[in-house]
Amino acid sequence: MNHDRTRELGTKPIGQLLMQYAVPAIIAMTASSLYNMVDSIFIGQGVGPMAIAGLAITFPLMNLSAAFGAMVGVGASTMISVRLGQKNREAAQHFFGNSITLNVLMGLFFMVGVYVVLDPVLRFFGASDQTLPYAREYMEWILFGNIFTHLYFGLNAILRSAGHPRTAMYATILTVLLNTALDPLFIYVFGLGIRGAAMATVLSQCVSLCWQLWIFSRPSEVVFFRRDTWQLQRHIVGGIISIGLSPFIMNACSCLVVLLINRGMVQYGGDLAVGAYGIDNRVLFLFAMIVMGFNQGMQPIAGYNYGAKLHHRVQEVLWKTIGYATIVMTVGFIVCELFAETIARAFTTDEELIAIAAHGLRIDVALFPIIGFQMVTGNFFQSIEQAGKSIYLSLTRQLLFLVPCLMILPRFWGLDGVWISLPVSDGLAALNAAVLLYFQIQQFKSVEGGASSTDETTSHTLSEVHHHLLRLPHRIHYFAMNRVAPYIPFFTTFQHEDRENAENG
């Protein structure tokens, strides 16, 4: 029965499949975003505006933690989808076992590494004397549960690849419901403040993790716990990381970006501006998570059909996902422009904080209608084992576009310059993604039917341009691994493996 679930990825109509896989993922991702918003609302209303600012200070660390988790979770789930498409269950099983070990090791590494330098790191991220105590209290408990968080998110991604999108949705909904119930209990009844919000988050994830562990303990599953697959194998780890490197870089760059945003907010607007960004970030995250839900629904479909060489189905799921993502982000644009003050008021009663947050929110969503396309395109390349292109898109948006904007625009427009940097970089990133996707579609068409004799000259020219364009991700990847990696201890542990080794997994 479980094998039938994976086989339908290559036979069932794409529209039905996308809804079957995306709707549970959308519900799960929306619920996940909502419980982050619930945390912020309870903290803002129950503890105060400085607590919201303290929570915003933790965003870079949360992004960095998510980077390590996404590296394993996305990398493993993608490799499992492709291997199942190739009818190679044994390889999929080994990718699953290695992902469990990697999640535990990375969770432990991050927890210990960050905890010993927590205060200096939070100061570096923009914490003031007023916000540092709140940020520290929250992050301490988040770090204590970091291993469980990594396993929870990693296994949820694999559940979708293994043909259980609804189960992944239920696990997330369970987490949200528990967190929503525990937040007021810990914050108000037990008087634990912002610490109580962190404890509620970790405890709710642990409960869902227990359910996930039980599911994967059953030998009837397409992948399950097997002792002989837990020992790390270099080529398997290399395969996971080669695919997971793109979301890792995306989240790691987000850490740098949020750091720059927080410092810009402190410099040009003070602690309340940091709190305003914290509010806006939660709201924007909600719409982005809906798109990520579509992406997660697309991932196993695109991965399976790419592995089965059904390129027409790969293209169909891509275009349908882009269409739905564009609709979602356009709705987000309209809602945020019309109801910015109402949205901000849900988080706080401080009128000055409400005004700053509403103003920033309207600027942030200025180019929302085109952002969905850019998000889907980056995830698409990742889903078809073309990590270099996905890495390239991640790096250009975060480092080549957004970071310079954050360093230049505030010099001219102050706090508004910080807000404006976000839509400007998103617009440039969308154009960049469109160029790369165009050449990928041309490649698919060439593989499927070949160019006619009248198109040979054009195809040859496109091929040459495509070749040079494809070198950009590898050059950026080389730069990241050989210039940036020496400063990040984790990167030096595993190097990018030869693709042939990964294929033999």
Protein backbone atom coordinates (compact mmCIF):
# COMPACT_ATOMS: atom_id res chain seq x y z
CA MET A 1 0.00 0.00 0.00
CA ASN A 2 2.82 2.43 0.89
CA HIS A 3 4.59 1.51 -2.36
CA ASP A 4 1.41 2.37 -4.30
CA ARG A 5 1.48 5.83 -2.73
CA THR A 6 4.89 6.55 -4.19
CA ARG A 7 4.14 4.98 -7.59
CA GLU A 8 1.12 7.26 -8.06
CA LEU A 9 3.56 10.19 -8.20
CA GLY A 10 4.42 9.11 -11.74
CA THR A 11 0.92 8.23 -12.96
CA LYS A 12 -1.79 10.29 -11.27
CA PRO A 13 -2.87 13.62 -12.88
CA ILE A 14 -0.54 16.42 -11.76
CA GLY A 15 -3.33 18.74 -10.64
CA GLN A 16 -4.79 16.11 -8.31
CA LEU A 17 -1.35 15.13 -7.04
CA LEU A 18 -0.35 18.71 -6.28
CA MET A 19 -3.50 19.29 -4.29
CA GLN A 20 -3.13 15.92 -2.56
CA TYR A 21 0.40 16.73 -1.45
CA ALA A 22 0.28 20.52 -1.23
CA VAL A 23 -2.92 21.04 0.75
CA PRO A 24 -1.70 19.03 3.76
CA ALA A 25 1.68 20.78 3.50
CA ILE A 26 -0.01 24.19 3.24
CA ILE A 27 -2.13 23.47 6.29
CA ALA A 28 0.94 22.24 8.13
CA MET A 29 3.11 25.21 7.13
CA THR A 30 0.35 27.70 7.84
CA ALA A 31 -0.23 26.10 11.20
CA SER A 32 3.52 26.24 11.87
CA SER A 33 3.57 29.92 11.01
CA LEU A 34 0.49 30.53 13.11
CA TYR A 35 2.07 29.04 16.20
CA ASN A 36 5.05 31.37 15.71
CA MET A 37 2.53 34.21 15.51
CA VAL A 38 0.75 32.90 18.58
CA ASP A 39 4.04 33.03 20.48
CA SER A 40 4.57 36.63 19.39
CA ILE A 41 1.00 37.67 20.21
CA PHE A 42 1.06 36.14 23.69
CA ILE A 43 4.51 37.58 24.35
CA GLY A 44 3.57 41.05 23.06
CA GLN A 45 0.24 41.24 24.86
CA GLY A 46 1.31 39.39 28.01
CA VAL A 47 4.91 40.51 28.56
CA GLY A 48 5.32 43.79 26.67
CA PRO A 49 6.87 45.57 23.65
CA MET A 50 10.46 45.02 24.83
CA ALA A 51 9.77 41.29 24.95
CA ILE A 52 8.69 41.37 21.30
CA ALA A 53 11.91 43.23 20.48
CA GLY A 54 13.87 40.60 22.42
CA LEU A 55 12.13 37.87 20.46
CA ALA A 56 13.09 39.60 17.19
CA ILE A 57 16.72 39.61 18.30
CA THR A 58 16.63 35.79 18.38
CA PHE A 59 15.55 35.52 14.72
CA PRO A 60 19.12 35.25 13.35
CA LEU A 61 19.88 32.37 15.70
CA MET A 62 16.59 30.70 14.86
CA ASN A 63 17.45 31.03 11.16
CA LEU A 64 20.88 29.54 11.76
CA SER A 65 19.38 26.60 13.63
CA ALA A 66 16.85 26.15 10.83
CA ALA A 67 19.73 26.19 8.34
CA PHE A 68 21.30 23.07 9.85
CA GLY A 69 17.92 21.37 10.13
CA ALA A 70 16.97 22.23 6.54
CA MET A 71 20.29 20.96 5.24
CA VAL A 72 19.48 17.47 6.48
CA GLY A 73 15.68 17.49 6.20
CA VAL A 74 15.40 18.91 2.69
CA GLY A 75 18.48 17.11 1.42
CA ALA A 76 17.35 13.72 2.73
CA SER A 77 13.72 14.07 1.64
CA THR A 78 14.76 15.10 -1.88
CA MET A 79 17.23 12.23 -2.23
CA ILE A 80 14.63 9.77 -0.91
CA SER A 81 12.04 11.03 -3.44
CA VAL A 82 14.47 10.66 -6.33
CA ARG A 83 15.62 7.18 -5.24
CA LEU A 84 12.03 6.02 -4.91
CA GLY A 85 11.39 7.34 -8.41
CA GLN A 86 14.33 5.22 -9.55
CA LYS A 87 12.79 2.20 -7.76
CA ASN A 88 15.85 2.03 -5.48
CA ARG A 89 14.28 1.42 -2.05
CA GLU A 90 17.51 0.24 -0.43
CA ALA A 91 19.28 3.50 -1.26
CA ALA A 92 16.29 5.46 0.04
CA GLN A 93 16.47 3.46 3.27
CA HIS A 94 20.14 4.35 3.79
CA PHE A 95 19.49 8.03 3.14
CA PHE A 96 16.76 7.88 5.79
CA GLY A 97 18.97 6.21 8.40
CA ASN A 98 21.86 8.61 7.84
CA SER A 99 19.52 11.61 8.09
CA ILE A 100 18.50 10.56 11.61
CA THR A 101 22.11 10.38 12.77
CA LEU A 102 22.96 13.68 11.11
CA ASN A 103 20.01 15.46 12.73
CA VAL A 104 21.06 14.30 16.20
CA LEU A 105 24.70 15.29 15.70
CA MET A 106 23.89 18.69 14.23
CA GLY A 107 21.31 19.43 16.89
CA LEU A 108 23.83 18.64 19.63
CA PHE A 109 26.59 20.60 17.91
CA PHE A 110 24.43 23.71 17.55
CA MET A 111 23.05 23.55 21.09
CA VAL A 112 26.45 23.33 22.78
CA GLY A 113 28.24 25.68 20.39
CA VAL A 114 25.73 28.51 20.75
CA TYR A 115 24.92 28.12 24.45
CA VAL A 116 28.50 28.75 25.60
CA VAL A 117 28.59 32.13 23.80
CA LEU A 118 24.91 33.06 23.96
CA ASP A 119 25.14 36.54 25.52
CA PRO A 120 27.93 37.85 23.24
CA VAL A 121 26.10 36.48 20.20
CA LEU A 122 22.84 38.16 21.18
CA ARG A 123 24.68 41.43 21.78
CA PHE A 124 26.24 41.11 18.35
CA PHE A 125 22.77 40.57 16.86
CA GLY A 126 21.61 43.89 18.28
CA ALA A 127 20.39 43.16 21.82
CA SER A 128 20.37 46.15 24.18
CA ASP A 129 20.30 46.18 27.98
CA GLN A 130 16.50 46.26 27.78
CA THR A 131 16.07 43.39 25.27
CA LEU A 132 18.94 41.06 26.20
CA PRO A 133 17.24 39.40 29.22
CA TYR A 134 14.17 38.51 27.14
CA ALA A 135 16.23 37.21 24.23
CA ARG A 136 18.41 35.10 26.53
CA GLU A 137 15.49 33.55 28.42
CA TYR A 138 13.80 32.55 25.17
CA MET A 139 16.88 31.13 23.43
CA GLU A 140 18.07 29.08 26.42
CA TRP A 141 15.03 26.84 26.29
CA ILE A 142 14.95 26.74 22.50
CA LEU A 143 18.57 25.51 22.56
CA PHE A 144 17.83 22.85 25.17
CA GLY A 145 15.27 21.35 22.79
CA ASN A 146 17.29 21.84 19.61
CA ILE A 147 17.91 18.12 18.94
CA PHE A 148 14.19 17.34 19.19
CA THR A 149 13.34 20.30 16.94
CA HIS A 150 15.75 19.12 14.24
CA LEU A 151 14.37 15.59 14.35
CA TYR A 152 10.78 16.81 14.32
CA PHE A 153 11.18 18.99 11.21
CA GLY A 154 13.43 16.46 9.47
CA LEU A 155 11.03 13.54 9.93
CA ASN A 156 8.10 15.68 8.83
CA ALA A 157 9.84 16.39 5.51
CA ILE A 158 10.55 12.68 5.05
CA LEU A 159 6.94 11.77 5.83
CA ARG A 160 5.87 13.75 2.75
CA SER A 161 8.48 12.06 0.56
CA ALA A 162 7.42 8.64 1.85
CA GLY A 163 3.80 9.14 0.78
CA HIS A 164 2.33 10.53 4.03
CA PRO A 165 1.54 14.20 3.36
CA ARG A 166 -1.56 14.11 5.56
CA THR A 167 0.32 12.56 8.45
CA ALA A 168 2.93 15.33 8.21
CA MET A 169 0.08 17.82 8.30
CA TYR A 170 -1.49 16.20 11.36
CA ALA A 171 1.86 16.20 13.18
CA THR A 172 2.21 19.94 12.61
CA ILE A 173 -1.38 20.67 13.59
CA LEU A 174 -0.89 18.68 16.78
CA THR A 175 2.18 20.78 17.54
CA VAL A 176 0.28 24.02 16.93
CA LEU A 177 -2.68 23.04 19.07
CA LEU A 178 -0.46 21.97 21.95
CA ASN A 179 1.61 25.14 21.69
CA THR A 180 -1.49 27.34 21.60
CA ALA A 181 -2.85 25.63 24.71
CA LEU A 182 0.45 25.67 26.61
CA ASP A 183 1.41 29.29 25.83
CA PRO A 184 -1.21 31.01 28.01
CA LEU A 185 -0.78 28.31 30.67
CA PHE A 186 2.98 28.83 30.97
CA ILE A 187 3.01 32.61 30.38
CA TYR A 188 0.02 33.71 32.46
CA VAL A 189 -0.91 30.93 34.90
CA PHE A 190 2.62 29.82 35.80
CA GLY A 191 4.04 33.33 35.34
CA LEU A 192 7.02 32.14 33.27
CA GLY A 193 6.89 35.03 30.80
CA ILE A 194 8.85 34.69 27.56
CA ARG A 195 10.59 31.59 28.96
CA GLY A 196 7.19 29.91 29.11
CA ALA A 197 6.60 30.54 25.39
CA ALA A 198 9.87 28.78 24.54
CA MET A 199 9.08 25.86 26.84
CA ALA A 200 5.64 25.47 25.23
CA THR A 201 7.21 25.38 21.77
CA VAL A 202 9.76 22.71 22.63
CA LEU A 203 7.34 20.52 24.59
CA SER A 204 4.72 20.55 21.81
CA GLN A 205 7.36 19.52 19.25
CA CYS A 206 8.52 16.66 21.47
CA VAL A 207 5.01 15.22 21.66
CA SER A 208 4.66 15.23 17.85
CA LEU A 209 8.15 13.76 17.49
CA CYS A 210 7.12 10.75 19.58
CA TRP A 211 4.29 10.08 17.13
CA GLN A 212 6.66 10.40 14.15
CA LEU A 213 9.12 7.96 15.75
CA TRP A 214 6.32 5.45 16.21
CA ILE A 215 5.29 5.75 12.53
CA PHE A 216 8.81 5.14 11.24
CA SER A 217 9.31 2.20 13.60
CA ARG A 218 6.91 0.13 11.46
CA PRO A 219 8.63 -2.16 8.91
CA SER A 220 5.61 -1.77 6.61
CA GLU A 221 6.68 1.81 5.80
CA VAL A 222 8.58 2.51 2.58
CA VAL A 223 11.46 3.72 4.80
CA PHE A 224 11.76 2.81 8.48
CA PHE A 225 14.24 2.58 11.35
CA ARG A 226 16.87 -0.03 10.63
CA ARG A 227 20.07 -0.32 12.63
CA ASP A 228 22.31 -1.10 9.68
CA THR A 229 21.49 2.28 8.06
CA TRP A 230 22.39 4.61 10.95
CA GLN A 231 26.16 4.58 10.54
CA LEU A 232 27.24 7.60 8.52
CA GLN A 233 28.54 6.83 5.03
CA ARG A 234 30.55 9.50 3.33
CA HIS A 235 28.89 9.32 -0.09
CA ILE A 236 25.39 9.33 1.45
CA VAL A 237 26.19 12.29 3.70
CA GLY A 238 27.71 14.03 0.69
CA GLY A 239 24.54 13.42 -1.31
CA ILE A 240 22.32 14.82 1.45
CA ILE A 241 24.49 17.86 1.99
CA SER A 242 24.94 18.57 -1.73
CA ILE A 243 21.17 18.98 -2.04
CA GLY A 244 20.64 20.44 1.43
CA LEU A 245 23.42 22.98 0.95
CA SER A 246 21.04 25.31 -0.89
CA PRO A 247 18.48 25.67 1.95
CA PHE A 248 21.39 25.79 4.41
CA ILE A 249 22.94 28.73 2.59
CA MET A 250 19.53 30.34 2.23
CA ASN A 251 18.89 30.16 5.98
CA ALA A 252 22.48 31.02 6.90
CA CYS A 253 22.30 34.06 4.65
CA SER A 254 18.97 34.90 6.30
CA CYS A 255 20.85 34.90 9.58
CA LEU A 256 23.26 37.50 8.19
CA VAL A 257 20.44 39.50 6.64
CA VAL A 258 18.33 39.56 9.81
CA LEU A 259 21.45 40.57 11.72
CA LEU A 260 21.94 43.55 9.40
CA ILE A 261 18.24 44.41 9.54
CA ASN A 262 18.18 44.30 13.34
CA ARG A 263 21.30 46.45 13.60
CA GLY A 264 19.84 48.88 11.07
CA MET A 265 16.59 49.04 13.02
CA VAL A 266 18.47 49.72 16.27
CA GLN A 267 20.63 52.39 14.63
CA TYR A 268 17.85 54.28 12.83
CA GLY A 269 14.78 53.49 14.93
CA GLY A 270 15.74 52.01 18.31
CA ASP A 271 14.35 48.95 20.12
CA LEU A 272 10.77 49.64 19.02
CA ALA A 273 11.83 49.44 15.37
CA VAL A 274 13.33 46.02 16.09
CA GLY A 275 10.03 44.98 17.63
CA ALA A 276 8.18 46.31 14.58
CA TYR A 277 10.33 44.18 12.31
CA GLY A 278 9.60 41.20 14.56
CA ILE A 279 5.87 41.76 14.07
CA ASP A 280 6.14 42.26 10.31
CA ASN A 281 8.39 39.25 9.91
CA ARG A 282 5.80 37.00 11.55
CA VAL A 283 3.07 38.32 9.25
CA LEU A 284 5.13 38.00 6.06
CA PHE A 285 6.21 34.56 7.19
CA LEU A 286 2.58 33.43 7.18
CA PHE A 287 2.15 34.06 3.45
CA ALA A 288 5.63 32.75 2.67
CA MET A 289 4.79 29.53 4.52
CA ILE A 290 1.71 28.99 2.36
CA VAL A 291 3.97 29.17 -0.69
CA MET A 292 6.42 26.85 1.04
CA GLY A 293 3.52 24.47 1.52
CA PHE A 294 3.01 24.42 -2.24
CA ASN A 295 6.77 23.93 -2.63
CA GLN A 296 6.72 20.98 -0.27
CA GLY A 297 3.80 19.51 -2.18
CA MET A 298 5.72 20.00 -5.43
CA GLN A 299 9.00 18.54 -4.14
CA PRO A 300 8.15 14.81 -4.03
CA ILE A 301 6.22 15.06 -7.32
CA ALA A 302 9.02 16.86 -9.15
CA GLY A 303 11.71 14.68 -7.57
CA TYR A 304 9.99 11.40 -8.38
CA ASN A 305 9.19 12.32 -11.98
CA TYR A 306 12.65 13.76 -12.55
CA GLY A 307 14.13 10.48 -11.31
CA ALA A 308 11.75 8.62 -13.65
CA LYS A 309 12.72 10.96 -16.55
CA LEU A 310 9.11 12.15 -17.03
CA HIS A 311 10.11 15.73 -17.78
CA HIS A 312 6.71 16.81 -19.10
CA ARG A 313 5.22 16.02 -15.68
CA VAL A 314 8.06 17.89 -13.96
CA GLN A 315 7.27 21.01 -16.00
CA GLU A 316 3.54 20.70 -15.40
CA VAL A 317 3.88 20.61 -11.62
CA LEU A 318 6.31 23.56 -11.79
CA TRP A 319 3.91 25.84 -13.68
CA LYS A 320 0.91 24.90 -11.57
CA THR A 321 2.88 25.61 -8.39
CA ILE A 322 4.05 29.00 -9.70
CA GLY A 323 0.45 29.93 -10.53
CA TYR A 324 -0.86 29.10 -7.07
CA ALA A 325 2.09 30.84 -5.39
CA THR A 326 1.45 34.03 -7.35
CA ILE A 327 -2.19 34.06 -6.26
CA VAL A 328 -1.23 33.60 -2.60
CA MET A 329 1.31 36.42 -2.58
CA THR A 330 -1.05 38.77 -4.42
CA VAL A 331 -3.68 38.17 -1.75
CA GLY A 332 -1.01 38.86 0.88
CA PHE A 333 -0.16 42.15 -0.82
CA ILE A 334 -3.79 43.30 -0.79
CA VAL A 335 -4.46 42.26 2.82
CA CYS A 336 -1.30 43.87 4.23
CA GLU A 337 -1.77 47.13 2.31
CA LEU A 338 -5.38 47.51 3.43
CA PHE A 339 -5.21 46.27 7.03
CA ALA A 340 -1.65 47.00 8.21
CA GLU A 341 -2.68 48.80 11.42
CA THR A 342 -5.25 46.16 12.34
CA ILE A 343 -2.66 43.41 11.90
CA ALA A 344 -0.06 45.22 14.03
CA ARG A 345 -2.62 45.90 16.76
CA ALA A 346 -3.12 42.16 17.26
CA PHE A 347 0.44 41.94 18.59
CA THR A 348 0.65 44.96 20.87
CA THR A 349 -1.25 47.86 22.43
CA ASP A 350 1.72 50.25 22.16
CA GLU A 351 0.59 52.93 19.65
CA GLU A 352 4.10 53.93 18.59
CA LEU A 353 5.04 50.31 17.90
CA ILE A 354 1.81 49.83 15.93
CA ALA A 355 2.55 52.87 13.73
CA ILE A 356 6.12 51.76 12.95
CA ALA A 357 5.07 48.18 12.21
CA ALA A 358 2.18 49.20 9.93
CA HIS A 359 4.36 51.60 7.94
CA GLY A 360 7.09 48.98 7.48
CA LEU A 361 4.60 46.27 6.53
CA ARG A 362 3.18 48.31 3.65
CA ILE A 363 6.68 48.85 2.25
CA ASP A 364 7.72 45.23 2.69
CA VAL A 365 4.85 43.81 0.60
CA ALA A 366 5.27 46.25 -2.31
CA LEU A 367 6.49 43.51 -4.71
CA PHE A 368 4.77 40.55 -3.07
CA PRO A 369 2.94 39.44 -6.27
CA ILE A 370 6.24 38.38 -7.93
CA ILE A 371 7.94 36.85 -4.91
CA GLY A 372 6.00 33.59 -5.14
CA PHE A 373 7.56 32.88 -8.54
CA GLN A 374 11.05 33.43 -7.16
CA MET A 375 10.43 31.15 -4.16
CA VAL A 376 9.04 28.31 -6.27
CA THR A 377 11.87 28.50 -8.79
CA GLY A 378 14.58 28.15 -6.14
CA ASN A 379 12.82 25.18 -4.58
CA PHE A 380 12.23 23.60 -7.98
CA PHE A 381 15.94 23.36 -8.82
CA GLN A 382 16.55 21.86 -5.41
CA SER A 383 13.82 19.26 -6.04
CA ILE A 384 15.42 18.00 -9.25
CA GLU A 385 18.91 17.56 -7.75
CA GLN A 386 20.32 20.74 -9.31
CA ALA A 387 21.59 22.19 -6.07
CA GLY A 388 24.08 24.50 -7.76
CA LYS A 389 21.34 26.56 -9.37
CA SER A 390 19.35 26.71 -6.15
CA ILE A 391 22.47 27.81 -4.26
CA TYR A 392 23.13 30.46 -6.89
CA LEU A 393 19.61 31.87 -6.52
CA SER A 394 19.91 31.86 -2.73
CA LEU A 395 23.26 33.62 -2.72
CA THR A 396 22.32 36.26 -5.25
CA ARG A 397 19.12 37.24 -3.48
CA GLN A 398 20.62 37.39 -0.02
CA LEU A 399 24.23 38.46 -0.57
CA LEU A 400 24.45 40.16 -3.96
CA PHE A 401 21.15 42.05 -3.78
CA LEU A 402 19.82 42.42 -0.23
CA VAL A 403 23.05 42.96 1.75
CA PRO A 404 24.27 45.86 -0.44
CA CYS A 405 20.81 47.43 -0.27
CA LEU A 406 20.83 47.20 3.53
CA MET A 407 24.23 48.85 3.66
CA ILE A 408 23.52 51.63 1.13
CA LEU A 409 19.84 52.63 1.17
CA PRO A 410 19.58 53.50 4.91
CA ARG A 411 22.33 56.07 4.40
CA PHE A 412 19.91 58.03 2.23
CA TRP A 413 16.48 57.22 3.71
CA GLY A 414 17.24 56.16 7.27
CA LEU A 415 14.76 53.66 8.71
CA ASP A 416 12.72 53.67 5.48
CA GLY A 417 15.88 52.61 3.65
CA VAL A 418 16.00 49.45 5.74
CA TRP A 419 12.38 48.64 4.89
CA ILE A 420 12.82 49.48 1.17
CA SER A 421 15.79 47.11 0.86
CA LEU A 422 13.52 44.06 1.11
CA PRO A 423 11.22 44.62 -1.91
CA VAL A 424 14.09 45.96 -4.05
CA SER A 425 16.16 42.80 -3.53
CA ASP A 426 13.11 40.58 -4.09
CA GLY A 427 12.43 42.22 -7.43
CA LEU A 428 16.01 41.70 -8.61
CA ALA A 429 15.95 38.10 -7.38
CA ALA A 430 12.75 37.37 -9.32
CA LEU A 431 14.32 38.63 -12.56
CA ASN A 432 17.39 36.51 -11.90
CA ALA A 433 15.26 33.41 -11.28
CA ALA A 434 13.31 34.01 -14.50
CA VAL A 435 16.50 33.95 -16.58
CA LEU A 436 17.77 30.74 -15.02
CA LEU A 437 14.40 29.00 -15.30
CA TYR A 438 14.10 29.93 -18.99
CA PHE A 439 17.27 28.04 -19.85
CA GLN A 440 16.21 25.07 -17.75
CA ILE A 441 12.93 24.81 -19.65
CA GLN A 442 14.83 24.95 -22.93
CA GLN A 443 16.95 22.05 -21.70
CA PHE A 444 13.85 20.01 -20.86
CA LYS A 445 12.42 20.65 -24.31
CA SER A 446 15.68 19.60 -25.93
CA VAL A 447 15.77 16.33 -23.99
CA GLU A 448 12.12 15.51 -24.72
CA GLY A 449 11.87 16.19 -28.44
CA GLY A 450 15.06 17.78 -29.66
CA ALA A 451 15.17 20.94 -31.74
CA SER A 452 14.08 20.94 -35.36
CA SER A 453 16.65 21.53 -38.08
CA THR A 454 15.40 25.12 -38.48
CA ASP A 455 16.05 25.78 -34.82
CA GLU A 456 19.56 24.32 -34.65
CA THR A 457 21.36 27.67 -34.79
CA THR A 458 19.18 29.17 -32.07
CA SER A 459 19.52 26.06 -29.92
CA HIS A 460 23.29 26.13 -30.32
CA THR A 461 23.42 29.76 -29.19
CA LEU A 462 21.16 29.05 -26.24
CA SER A 463 23.33 26.08 -25.34
CA GLU A 464 26.45 28.23 -25.23
CA VAL A 465 24.81 30.91 -23.10
CA HIS A 466 23.29 28.23 -20.90
CA HIS A 467 26.70 26.65 -20.40
CA HIS A 468 28.22 29.91 -19.17
CA LEU A 469 25.23 30.62 -16.96
CA LEU A 470 25.44 27.20 -15.38
CA ARG A 471 29.04 27.88 -14.41
CA LEU A 472 27.93 30.72 -12.14
CA PRO A 473 26.38 28.49 -9.45
CA HIS A 474 29.49 26.31 -9.40
CA ARG A 475 31.79 29.33 -9.14
CA ILE A 476 29.70 30.72 -6.28
CA HIS A 477 29.59 27.26 -4.69
CA TYR A 478 33.39 27.06 -5.00
CA PHE A 479 33.71 30.48 -3.39
CA ALA A 480 31.40 29.48 -0.53
CA MET A 481 33.26 26.23 0.14
CA ASN A 482 36.81 27.56 -0.22
CA ARG A 483 36.56 31.16 0.99
CA VAL A 484 33.64 31.18 3.42
CA ALA A 485 33.75 27.60 4.68
CA PRO A 486 37.05 27.90 6.61
CA TYR A 487 35.26 30.32 8.95
CA ILE A 488 32.38 27.94 9.60
CA PRO A 489 33.62 24.76 11.34
CA PHE A 490 30.73 22.62 10.13
CA PHE A 491 31.49 23.15 6.46
CA THR A 492 34.97 21.74 6.86
CA THR A 493 33.58 18.41 8.11
CA PHE A 494 32.17 17.24 4.82
CA GLN A 495 33.16 18.29 1.31
CA HIS A 496 30.92 18.14 -1.73
CA GLU A 497 31.05 14.58 -3.09
CA ASP A 498 31.24 13.49 -6.68
CA ARG A 499 27.73 13.13 -8.16
CA GLU A 500 28.49 9.54 -9.23
CA ASN A 501 29.02 8.53 -5.60
CA ALA A 502 25.67 10.03 -4.63
CA GLU A 503 23.95 8.21 -7.51
CA ASN A 504 25.32 4.92 -6.21
CA GLY A 505 23.71 5.55 -2.80
